[in-house]
Amino acid sequence: MFRIIRLILYFRLIGNCIALDPEIIEIEDHILYGVISLLLILFSGFCSGATQGLLSIDQITIEVKLRYGNEQEKIMEHHLLLSTLLVANSLANESLPIFIKRSTGDWIALLISVILVVLFGEIFPSAIMTGKHQFRIASFITPYIQFLISILYLICYPLSLILDKVLGTKCKRYHLEYIRQLMEICQQQDVIKPEELKIIVSVMELRNKYVINFIKPLHHVCYIQPDEPYCKRLIRRLKVKEYSLIPIIENNCVIGLFKSKDLITLDESNYGQLIVELVKVYQPLIISGDTTMLDLLLMFQKYKTNIAFVISQELQGIISLRDLFNEILDDVYLDEDNHGTVRMDQTSQQQLIQTIY
């Protein structure tokens, strides 16, 4: 601080020699104007650094702090904060030459104020506030910013209302491609693994994919008629298919579905009886062809099922949870309800068993 005061006094001597009508003041006034100038420079640096530090924080980070941060981490309204800091910074910068001029000449005051404002009011504070301790410093100065807002509220609040009205208050929405690139950067920095990135991106892309493009056609689906009796022929057919859920369909109308394991409790005395009378028939999940794969995933979770029947004017086919997994993992996921998909042959099954065990 004393170095700055001595610098002002030095330029005062030069100013007195150059100015046409220099103003003669006491040494105490020189010290007073020097202290005021120093405080204005510090205040200007505070406002400039706070502007860069607080307003440069990413909008998503701000929303996270608003939801989960503590009281000091919560950021004020954007336009009110912006108006307050800029108005306060402008007042400090415009007042600085007035007090320096009292101790130096006009052009000397202008030169000194420009140098001090650029170095100590802009560059250094901005570098500090946008550094690695940005969030810690922003959290620390938040109470002081709130105090400053309360002082300039009558001036800055109307300005913020005008900005809200003209520019709006909603933050920009991040599109899917932006989030995908962000995830790729996280993967490059070893925050997430490549397999995790693949699954995350695949799940996000489900909203743009429709079930009509991933269904199993009806002629590939193993189903029975509601008037079909329980017999050896039916047992052999279901045993070959090895499906755990069997749809019941009549004239392109879905009646329901049942679990093939319910047939275990039946014996020869049940031959000739209708299947629908011997087993529990479950309510089917029926969806339209324009349903997205993401909505389908949520439906499977809500209704506790893994098969849905797709209707577009008429019954088109079925789609299962396995099809969703195939799309997410970009691979063939085999399960016991692999309707319409070529299964592994006996040799492949034996190799798989040997690999597992």
Protein backbone atom coordinates (compact mmCIF):
# COMPACT_ATOMS: atom_id res chain seq x y z
CA MET A 1 0.00 0.00 0.00
CA PHE A 2 2.83 2.43 0.91
CA ARG A 3 4.54 1.72 -2.39
CA ILE A 4 1.42 2.78 -4.27
CA ILE A 5 1.16 5.95 -2.14
CA ARG A 6 4.83 6.79 -2.82
CA LEU A 7 4.21 6.18 -6.52
CA ILE A 8 1.27 8.60 -6.47
CA LEU A 9 3.38 11.20 -4.65
CA TYR A 10 6.15 10.78 -7.21
CA PHE A 11 3.76 11.33 -10.08
CA ARG A 12 2.33 14.25 -8.11
CA LEU A 13 5.70 16.00 -8.31
CA ILE A 14 5.87 15.42 -12.03
CA GLY A 15 2.25 16.55 -12.42
CA ASN A 16 2.90 19.75 -10.57
CA CYS A 17 5.75 20.46 -12.90
CA ILE A 18 3.73 19.78 -16.06
CA ALA A 19 0.17 20.84 -15.17
CA LEU A 20 -0.74 24.39 -16.20
CA ASP A 21 -2.68 25.08 -13.01
CA PRO A 22 -1.63 22.53 -10.40
CA GLU A 23 -3.65 22.24 -7.25
CA ILE A 24 -1.54 22.61 -4.11
CA ILE A 25 -2.76 20.32 -1.30
CA GLU A 26 -1.39 19.16 2.01
CA ILE A 27 0.55 15.92 2.53
CA GLU A 28 -2.32 14.55 4.64
CA ASP A 29 -4.64 14.94 1.68
CA HIS A 30 -2.16 13.11 -0.51
CA ILE A 31 -2.23 10.18 1.90
CA LEU A 32 -6.03 10.26 2.11
CA TYR A 33 -6.47 10.29 -1.67
CA GLY A 34 -3.89 7.53 -1.99
CA VAL A 35 -5.73 5.33 0.51
CA ILE A 36 -9.06 6.00 -1.25
CA SER A 37 -7.48 5.17 -4.62
CA LEU A 38 -6.08 1.95 -3.20
CA LEU A 39 -9.47 0.96 -1.81
CA LEU A 40 -11.12 1.72 -5.15
CA ILE A 41 -8.56 -0.45 -6.97
CA LEU A 42 -9.16 -3.33 -4.53
CA PHE A 43 -12.92 -2.92 -4.84
CA SER A 44 -12.67 -2.82 -8.63
CA GLY A 45 -10.57 -5.99 -8.58
CA PHE A 46 -13.10 -7.65 -6.28
CA CYS A 47 -16.01 -6.83 -8.61
CA SER A 48 -14.11 -7.79 -11.75
CA GLY A 49 -12.87 -11.05 -10.29
CA ALA A 50 -16.31 -11.91 -8.93
CA THR A 51 -17.82 -11.23 -12.35
CA GLN A 52 -15.39 -13.60 -14.03
CA GLY A 53 -15.40 -16.16 -11.25
CA LEU A 54 -19.14 -16.44 -10.61
CA LEU A 55 -20.53 -15.88 -14.10
CA SER A 56 -18.04 -18.21 -15.78
CA ILE A 57 -19.27 -21.21 -13.80
CA ASP A 58 -21.05 -23.69 -16.04
CA GLN A 59 -24.85 -23.52 -15.87
CA ILE A 60 -25.18 -27.23 -15.06
CA THR A 61 -22.74 -26.79 -12.17
CA ILE A 62 -24.82 -23.88 -10.89
CA GLU A 63 -27.99 -26.00 -10.98
CA VAL A 64 -26.22 -28.77 -9.07
CA LYS A 65 -25.15 -26.26 -6.42
CA LEU A 66 -28.67 -24.87 -6.24
CA ARG A 67 -30.08 -28.34 -5.58
CA TYR A 68 -27.43 -29.98 -3.47
CA GLY A 69 -25.03 -27.24 -2.32
CA ASN A 70 -24.98 -25.54 1.04
CA GLU A 71 -26.16 -21.99 1.59
CA GLN A 72 -22.83 -20.37 0.70
CA GLU A 73 -22.51 -22.39 -2.49
CA LYS A 74 -25.85 -21.24 -3.88
CA ILE A 75 -25.48 -18.69 -6.66
CA MET A 76 -27.74 -15.64 -6.95
CA GLU A 77 -29.96 -14.79 -9.90
CA HIS A 78 -27.87 -14.41 -13.02
CA HIS A 79 -28.99 -11.01 -14.30
CA LEU A 80 -29.22 -9.43 -10.84
CA LEU A 81 -25.71 -10.63 -10.04
CA LEU A 82 -24.41 -9.41 -13.40
CA SER A 83 -26.00 -5.97 -13.05
CA THR A 84 -24.74 -5.49 -9.48
CA LEU A 85 -21.13 -6.43 -10.22
CA LEU A 86 -20.90 -4.38 -13.41
CA VAL A 87 -22.49 -1.29 -11.86
CA ALA A 88 -20.22 -1.51 -8.79
CA ASN A 89 -17.14 -2.09 -10.96
CA SER A 90 -18.03 0.88 -13.16
CA LEU A 91 -18.47 3.17 -10.14
CA ALA A 92 -15.07 2.18 -8.79
CA ASN A 93 -13.28 2.57 -12.14
CA GLU A 94 -14.86 5.95 -12.89
CA SER A 95 -14.14 7.27 -9.40
CA LEU A 96 -10.49 6.23 -9.40
CA PRO A 97 -9.16 8.95 -11.80
CA ILE A 98 -10.98 11.65 -9.81
CA PHE A 99 -9.03 10.96 -6.62
CA ILE A 100 -5.73 10.30 -8.38
CA LYS A 101 -6.13 13.61 -10.21
CA ARG A 102 -6.08 15.42 -6.86
CA SER A 103 -2.47 14.31 -6.37
CA THR A 104 -1.21 14.39 -9.99
CA GLY A 105 -1.88 16.06 -13.30
CA ASP A 106 -4.74 15.15 -15.60
CA TRP A 107 -2.91 12.91 -18.04
CA ILE A 108 -0.79 11.40 -15.28
CA ALA A 109 -4.00 10.49 -13.40
CA LEU A 110 -5.39 8.92 -16.55
CA LEU A 111 -2.24 6.90 -17.15
CA ILE A 112 -1.98 5.69 -13.56
CA SER A 113 -5.66 4.72 -13.36
CA VAL A 114 -5.52 2.79 -16.63
CA ILE A 115 -2.43 0.83 -15.58
CA LEU A 116 -3.76 0.07 -12.10
CA VAL A 117 -7.23 -0.91 -13.34
CA VAL A 118 -5.88 -3.18 -16.07
CA LEU A 119 -3.36 -4.94 -13.82
CA PHE A 120 -4.94 -4.99 -10.38
CA GLY A 121 -8.59 -4.47 -11.35
CA GLU A 122 -8.87 -6.87 -14.27
CA ILE A 123 -6.02 -9.26 -15.06
CA PHE A 124 -4.87 -10.44 -11.63
CA PRO A 125 -8.36 -10.79 -10.05
CA SER A 126 -9.71 -12.61 -13.10
CA ALA A 127 -6.75 -14.99 -13.11
CA ILE A 128 -7.21 -15.75 -9.42
CA MET A 129 -11.00 -16.15 -9.56
CA THR A 130 -10.95 -18.49 -12.58
CA GLY A 131 -8.13 -20.67 -11.22
CA LYS A 132 -8.20 -24.06 -9.56
CA HIS A 133 -9.76 -22.62 -6.37
CA GLN A 134 -12.65 -21.00 -8.23
CA PHE A 135 -15.44 -22.73 -6.33
CA ARG A 136 -13.82 -22.24 -2.94
CA ILE A 137 -13.30 -18.51 -3.53
CA ALA A 138 -16.78 -18.11 -5.03
CA SER A 139 -18.26 -19.76 -1.95
CA PHE A 140 -16.23 -17.50 0.33
CA ILE A 141 -17.21 -14.19 -1.32
CA THR A 142 -20.89 -15.05 -1.75
CA PRO A 143 -21.99 -13.33 1.53
CA TYR A 144 -20.16 -10.14 0.50
CA ILE A 145 -21.80 -10.27 -2.92
CA GLN A 146 -25.20 -10.58 -1.26
CA PHE A 147 -24.40 -7.54 0.88
CA LEU A 148 -23.38 -5.61 -2.24
CA ILE A 149 -26.62 -6.62 -3.96
CA SER A 150 -28.64 -5.31 -1.03
CA ILE A 151 -26.86 -1.93 -1.29
CA LEU A 152 -27.38 -1.52 -5.04
CA TYR A 153 -30.73 -3.33 -5.12
CA LEU A 154 -32.83 -0.29 -6.03
CA ILE A 155 -30.62 0.39 -9.05
CA CYS A 156 -29.78 -3.11 -10.24
CA TYR A 157 -33.05 -4.94 -9.66
CA PRO A 158 -34.96 -2.93 -12.33
CA LEU A 159 -32.06 -3.58 -14.72
CA SER A 160 -32.24 -7.31 -14.02
CA LEU A 161 -36.00 -7.29 -14.66
CA ILE A 162 -35.43 -5.66 -18.04
CA LEU A 163 -32.77 -8.23 -18.91
CA ASP A 164 -35.04 -11.07 -17.78
CA LYS A 165 -37.85 -9.70 -19.93
CA VAL A 166 -35.74 -9.14 -23.04
CA LEU A 167 -33.31 -12.08 -22.86
CA GLY A 168 -35.29 -14.53 -20.74
CA THR A 169 -34.32 -16.34 -17.57
CA LYS A 170 -34.06 -19.94 -18.78
CA CYS A 171 -30.63 -21.37 -19.30
CA LYS A 172 -29.73 -23.07 -22.55
CA ARG A 173 -30.68 -26.70 -22.88
CA TYR A 174 -27.85 -29.09 -23.58
CA HIS A 175 -28.63 -31.31 -26.52
CA LEU A 176 -27.89 -35.00 -26.74
CA GLU A 177 -24.78 -34.58 -28.88
CA TYR A 178 -23.23 -32.19 -26.34
CA ILE A 179 -23.76 -34.66 -23.50
CA ARG A 180 -22.35 -37.44 -25.65
CA GLN A 181 -19.18 -35.46 -26.35
CA LEU A 182 -18.93 -34.68 -22.64
CA MET A 183 -19.09 -38.38 -21.85
CA GLU A 184 -16.39 -39.08 -24.44
CA ILE A 185 -14.13 -36.53 -22.76
CA CYS A 186 -14.78 -38.23 -19.40
CA GLN A 187 -13.83 -41.56 -20.97
CA GLN A 188 -10.61 -40.10 -22.39
CA GLN A 189 -9.73 -38.82 -18.90
CA ASP A 190 -10.41 -42.30 -17.43
CA VAL A 191 -13.40 -41.06 -15.43
CA ILE A 192 -15.55 -43.77 -16.99
CA LYS A 193 -14.65 -46.94 -18.87
CA PRO A 194 -15.28 -47.42 -22.62
CA GLU A 195 -17.91 -50.07 -21.87
CA GLU A 196 -19.73 -47.67 -19.55
CA LEU A 197 -19.60 -44.95 -22.20
CA LYS A 198 -21.10 -47.33 -24.74
CA ILE A 199 -24.01 -48.22 -22.44
CA ILE A 200 -24.65 -44.58 -21.43
CA VAL A 201 -24.73 -43.38 -25.04
CA SER A 202 -26.92 -46.28 -26.11
CA VAL A 203 -29.46 -45.55 -23.36
CA MET A 204 -29.57 -41.86 -24.31
CA GLU A 205 -30.19 -42.77 -27.95
CA LEU A 206 -33.20 -44.93 -27.04
CA ARG A 207 -35.42 -41.83 -27.07
CA ASN A 208 -34.89 -41.50 -30.84
CA LYS A 209 -35.62 -45.14 -31.67
CA TYR A 210 -39.10 -46.60 -32.13
CA VAL A 211 -40.24 -50.09 -31.27
CA ILE A 212 -41.80 -50.70 -34.69
CA ASN A 213 -38.27 -51.02 -36.10
CA PHE A 214 -37.20 -53.72 -33.61
CA ILE A 215 -40.20 -56.03 -33.31
CA LYS A 216 -40.35 -59.75 -34.00
CA PRO A 217 -43.01 -60.31 -36.68
CA LEU A 218 -46.04 -62.28 -35.62
CA HIS A 219 -45.23 -65.23 -37.87
CA HIS A 220 -41.95 -65.70 -35.94
CA VAL A 221 -43.70 -65.76 -32.57
CA CYS A 222 -44.60 -69.01 -30.86
CA TYR A 223 -48.19 -68.68 -29.55
CA ILE A 224 -51.29 -70.78 -28.98
CA GLN A 225 -54.99 -70.33 -29.65
CA PRO A 226 -57.35 -69.81 -26.68
CA ASP A 227 -59.32 -72.98 -27.67
CA GLU A 228 -56.19 -75.14 -27.90
CA PRO A 229 -56.33 -78.15 -25.53
CA TYR A 230 -53.56 -79.51 -23.39
CA CYS A 231 -51.99 -82.55 -25.11
CA LYS A 232 -48.71 -84.33 -25.87
CA ARG A 233 -48.39 -82.54 -29.20
CA LEU A 234 -48.54 -79.15 -27.49
CA ILE A 235 -46.00 -80.26 -24.86
CA ARG A 236 -43.55 -81.36 -27.56
CA ARG A 237 -43.98 -78.09 -29.46
CA LEU A 238 -43.37 -75.94 -26.40
CA LYS A 239 -40.49 -78.15 -25.30
CA VAL A 240 -38.72 -77.65 -28.62
CA LYS A 241 -39.18 -73.89 -28.51
CA GLU A 242 -38.06 -73.66 -24.86
CA TYR A 243 -39.88 -70.39 -24.20
CA SER A 244 -40.83 -69.34 -20.71
CA LEU A 245 -43.72 -67.01 -21.74
CA ILE A 246 -46.27 -68.16 -24.27
CA PRO A 247 -48.71 -65.65 -25.83
CA ILE A 248 -52.38 -66.52 -26.37
CA ILE A 249 -53.57 -64.96 -29.63
CA GLU A 250 -56.77 -65.30 -31.61
CA ASN A 251 -57.47 -63.51 -34.91
CA ASN A 252 -54.69 -60.95 -34.37
CA CYS A 253 -56.11 -60.19 -30.94
CA VAL A 254 -53.98 -60.73 -27.86
CA ILE A 255 -55.83 -62.58 -25.13
CA GLY A 256 -52.93 -62.79 -22.70
CA LEU A 257 -49.90 -64.93 -21.96
CA PHE A 258 -48.92 -67.67 -19.54
CA LYS A 259 -45.74 -69.12 -18.10
CA SER A 260 -44.67 -72.44 -19.53
CA LYS A 261 -43.44 -73.54 -16.09
CA ASP A 262 -47.09 -73.66 -14.99
CA LEU A 263 -47.47 -76.75 -17.17
CA ILE A 264 -45.18 -78.71 -14.83
CA THR A 265 -48.01 -79.22 -12.37
CA LEU A 266 -50.22 -80.79 -15.06
CA ASP A 267 -50.37 -84.50 -15.89
CA GLU A 268 -52.14 -86.88 -18.26
CA SER A 269 -55.42 -86.44 -16.44
CA ASN A 270 -55.54 -82.87 -17.82
CA TYR A 271 -55.32 -83.96 -21.45
CA GLY A 272 -58.12 -82.48 -23.54
CA GLN A 273 -58.77 -79.51 -21.25
CA LEU A 274 -58.24 -75.99 -22.51
CA ILE A 275 -54.90 -74.43 -21.64
CA VAL A 276 -56.53 -71.15 -20.61
CA GLU A 277 -58.50 -73.05 -17.95
CA LEU A 278 -55.47 -74.84 -16.52
CA VAL A 279 -52.93 -72.05 -16.16
CA LYS A 280 -52.92 -68.49 -14.95
CA VAL A 281 -53.32 -66.04 -17.83
CA TYR A 282 -51.48 -62.74 -17.38
CA GLN A 283 -52.62 -59.39 -18.74
CA PRO A 284 -50.60 -58.43 -21.84
CA LEU A 285 -48.76 -55.14 -22.29
CA ILE A 286 -49.98 -53.63 -25.57
CA ILE A 287 -48.20 -50.60 -27.07
CA SER A 288 -48.32 -48.65 -30.33
CA GLY A 289 -45.64 -48.79 -32.97
CA ASP A 290 -44.57 -45.17 -32.42
CA THR A 291 -43.56 -45.81 -28.82
CA THR A 292 -39.91 -45.02 -28.21
CA MET A 293 -37.54 -47.63 -26.88
CA LEU A 294 -36.91 -45.48 -23.80
CA ASP A 295 -40.65 -45.33 -23.01
CA LEU A 296 -40.80 -49.09 -23.49
CA LEU A 297 -38.00 -49.57 -20.96
CA LEU A 298 -39.95 -47.49 -18.44
CA MET A 299 -43.10 -49.51 -19.15
CA PHE A 300 -41.28 -52.76 -18.53
CA GLN A 301 -40.14 -51.38 -15.20
CA LYS A 302 -43.60 -50.10 -14.27
CA TYR A 303 -45.65 -53.15 -15.24
CA LYS A 304 -43.06 -55.76 -14.15
CA THR A 305 -43.00 -57.59 -17.47
CA ASN A 306 -40.48 -58.25 -20.21
CA ILE A 307 -42.68 -58.71 -23.31
CA ALA A 308 -44.89 -56.18 -25.08
CA PHE A 309 -47.24 -56.60 -28.04
CA VAL A 310 -46.93 -53.95 -30.75
CA ILE A 311 -50.05 -52.79 -32.57
CA SER A 312 -50.13 -50.45 -35.56
CA GLN A 313 -53.75 -50.67 -36.80
CA GLU A 314 -53.33 -54.41 -36.24
CA LEU A 315 -51.05 -56.72 -34.30
CA GLN A 316 -47.59 -56.49 -35.82
CA GLY A 317 -45.50 -58.59 -33.47
CA ILE A 318 -43.78 -58.55 -30.10
CA ILE A 319 -40.76 -56.89 -28.55
CA SER A 320 -39.01 -58.07 -25.42
CA LEU A 321 -36.60 -56.83 -22.82
CA ARG A 322 -33.95 -58.84 -24.60
CA ASP A 323 -34.40 -56.67 -27.70
CA LEU A 324 -33.78 -53.62 -25.53
CA PHE A 325 -30.62 -55.18 -24.15
CA ASN A 326 -29.48 -56.00 -27.67
CA GLU A 327 -29.87 -52.38 -28.65
CA ILE A 328 -28.16 -51.03 -25.53
CA LEU A 329 -25.25 -53.47 -25.64
CA ASP A 330 -25.15 -53.58 -29.45
CA ASP A 331 -24.85 -57.34 -29.20
CA VAL A 332 -27.02 -60.45 -29.23
CA TYR A 333 -28.35 -61.17 -25.76
CA LEU A 334 -29.62 -64.72 -25.43
CA ASP A 335 -32.30 -65.73 -22.98
CA GLU A 336 -35.02 -68.32 -22.71
CA ASP A 337 -37.51 -66.19 -24.68
CA ASN A 338 -35.49 -65.77 -27.84
CA HIS A 339 -38.50 -65.58 -30.19
CA GLY A 340 -37.53 -65.55 -33.82
CA THR A 341 -33.75 -65.54 -33.30
CA VAL A 342 -31.47 -68.39 -34.33
CA ARG A 343 -30.25 -70.12 -31.19
CA MET A 344 -26.81 -71.53 -30.55
CA ASP A 345 -26.26 -75.02 -31.80
CA GLN A 346 -25.37 -77.87 -29.47
CA THR A 347 -21.63 -77.49 -30.05
CA SER A 348 -21.71 -73.78 -29.20
CA GLN A 349 -23.74 -74.48 -26.08
CA GLN A 350 -21.20 -77.08 -24.93
CA GLN A 351 -18.32 -74.66 -25.57
CA LEU A 352 -20.14 -71.98 -23.61
CA ILE A 353 -20.74 -74.34 -20.69
CA GLN A 354 -17.06 -75.37 -20.67
CA THR A 355 -16.02 -71.70 -20.72
CA ILE A 356 -18.26 -70.87 -17.74
CA TYR A 357 -17.42 -73.89 -15.64
